């Protein structure tokens, strides 16, 4: 008996909102990702992307962008 392979998880989409401008702390004012996170997004695993999404939520809350 063969076990069928697990279906592949779709890549998590980028949080980019096409408002691309890095502030003095190297954080995008649109999506709240760092320059490094933006450049690495295409090669990140979904788990790494989830971690970045958690980080950008924290950043947005600290900036008062989210309640």
C-alpha atoms as a PDB file:
ATOM      1  CA  UNK A   1       0.000   0.000   0.000  1.00  0.00           C
ATOM      2  CA  UNK A   2       1.365   3.375  -0.984  1.00  0.00           C
ATOM      3  CA  UNK A   3       0.663   6.567   0.886  1.00  0.00           C
ATOM      4  CA  UNK A   4      -0.184   9.440  -1.428  1.00  0.00           C
ATOM      5  CA  UNK A   5       2.043  12.512  -1.074  1.00  0.00           C
ATOM      6  CA  UNK A   6       0.712  15.414   0.951  1.00  0.00           C
ATOM      7  CA  UNK A   7      -0.669  18.206  -1.197  1.00  0.00           C
ATOM      8  CA  UNK A   8       1.798  21.051  -1.441  1.00  0.00           C
ATOM      9  CA  UNK A   9       0.949  24.173   0.492  1.00  0.00           C
ATOM     10  CA  UNK A  10       0.512  27.265  -1.664  1.00  0.00           C
ATOM     11  CA  UNK A  11       3.085  30.003  -1.041  1.00  0.00           C
ATOM     12  CA  UNK A  12       1.887  32.761   1.284  1.00  0.00           C
ATOM     13  CA  UNK A  13       1.398  35.951  -0.699  1.00  0.00           C
ATOM     14  CA  UNK A  14       3.494  39.018  -0.137  1.00  0.00           C
ATOM     15  CA  UNK A  15       1.979  41.695   2.118  1.00  0.00           C
ATOM     16  CA  UNK A  16       3.146  44.371  -0.351  1.00  0.00           C
ATOM     17  CA  UNK A  17       0.540  47.094  -0.948  1.00  0.00           C
ATOM     18  CA  UNK A  18       2.572  48.889  -3.643  1.00  0.00           C
ATOM     19  CA  UNK A  19       3.452  51.763  -1.340  1.00  0.00           C
ATOM     20  CA  UNK A  20       7.177  51.100  -1.351  1.00  0.00           C
ATOM     21  CA  UNK A  21       9.309  53.515   0.652  1.00  0.00           C
ATOM     22  CA  UNK A  22      11.835  52.583   3.325  1.00  0.00           C
ATOM     23  CA  UNK A  23      12.062  54.792   6.405  1.00  0.00           C
ATOM     24  CA  UNK A  24      15.277  55.655   8.257  1.00  0.00           C
ATOM     25  CA  UNK A  25      15.036  52.308  10.099  1.00  0.00           C
ATOM     26  CA  UNK A  26      14.943  50.349   6.785  1.00  0.00           C
ATOM     27  CA  UNK A  27      11.254  49.493   7.280  1.00  0.00           C
ATOM     28  CA  UNK A  28       8.818  49.806   4.394  1.00  0.00           C
ATOM     29  CA  UNK A  29       6.124  52.356   5.205  1.00  0.00           C
ATOM     30  CA  UNK A  30       3.631  50.339   3.158  1.00  0.00           C
ATOM     31  CA  UNK A  31       4.002  46.728   4.294  1.00  0.00           C
ATOM     32  CA  UNK A  32       6.172  47.175   7.432  1.00  0.00           C
ATOM     33  CA  UNK A  33       8.794  44.662   6.257  1.00  0.00           C
ATOM     34  CA  UNK A  34      12.492  45.396   6.525  1.00  0.00           C
ATOM     35  CA  UNK A  35      14.567  45.747   3.387  1.00  0.00           C
ATOM     36  CA  UNK A  36      16.104  42.345   4.088  1.00  0.00           C
ATOM     37  CA  UNK A  37      12.701  40.700   4.580  1.00  0.00           C
ATOM     38  CA  UNK A  38      11.506  42.172   1.287  1.00  0.00           C
ATOM     39  CA  UNK A  39      14.548  40.908  -0.612  1.00  0.00           C
ATOM     40  CA  UNK A  40      14.399  37.428   0.958  1.00  0.00           C
ATOM     41  CA  UNK A  41      10.598  36.942   0.630  1.00  0.00           C
ATOM     42  CA  UNK A  42      10.830  34.979  -2.631  1.00  0.00           C
ATOM     43  CA  UNK A  43      13.132  32.349  -1.122  1.00  0.00           C
ATOM     44  CA  UNK A  44      11.461  32.052   2.297  1.00  0.00           C
ATOM     45  CA  UNK A  45       9.496  29.003   3.405  1.00  0.00           C
ATOM     46  CA  UNK A  46       5.890  29.531   4.424  1.00  0.00           C
ATOM     47  CA  UNK A  47       6.933  29.172   8.066  1.00  0.00           C
ATOM     48  CA  UNK A  48       9.478  31.957   7.661  1.00  0.00           C
ATOM     49  CA  UNK A  49       6.835  34.076   5.937  1.00  0.00           C
ATOM     50  CA  UNK A  50       4.429  33.520   8.829  1.00  0.00           C
ATOM     51  CA  UNK A  51       7.126  34.697  11.235  1.00  0.00           C
ATOM     52  CA  UNK A  52       7.663  37.847   9.152  1.00  0.00           C
ATOM     53  CA  UNK A  53       3.899  38.481   9.067  1.00  0.00           C
ATOM     54  CA  UNK A  54       3.812  38.266  12.876  1.00  0.00           C
ATOM     55  CA  UNK A  55       6.728  40.699  13.072  1.00  0.00           C
ATOM     56  CA  UNK A  56       5.136  43.208  10.709  1.00  0.00           C
ATOM     57  CA  UNK A  57       1.919  43.078  12.742  1.00  0.00           C
ATOM     58  CA  UNK A  58       3.934  43.974  15.856  1.00  0.00           C
ATOM     59  CA  UNK A  59       5.656  46.797  13.986  1.00  0.00           C
ATOM     60  CA  UNK A  60       2.341  48.151  12.709  1.00  0.00           C
ATOM     61  CA  UNK A  61       0.888  48.099  16.245  1.00  0.00           C
ATOM     62  CA  UNK A  62       3.952  49.924  17.604  1.00  0.00           C
ATOM     63  CA  UNK A  63       3.518  52.569  14.900  1.00  0.00           C
ATOM     64  CA  UNK A  64      -0.149  52.966  15.799  1.00  0.00           C
ATOM     65  CA  UNK A  65      -1.249  51.653  12.420  1.00  0.00           C
ATOM     66  CA  UNK A  66      -3.292  48.848  14.024  1.00  0.00           C
ATOM     67  CA  UNK A  67      -5.310  48.797  17.226  1.00  0.00           C
END
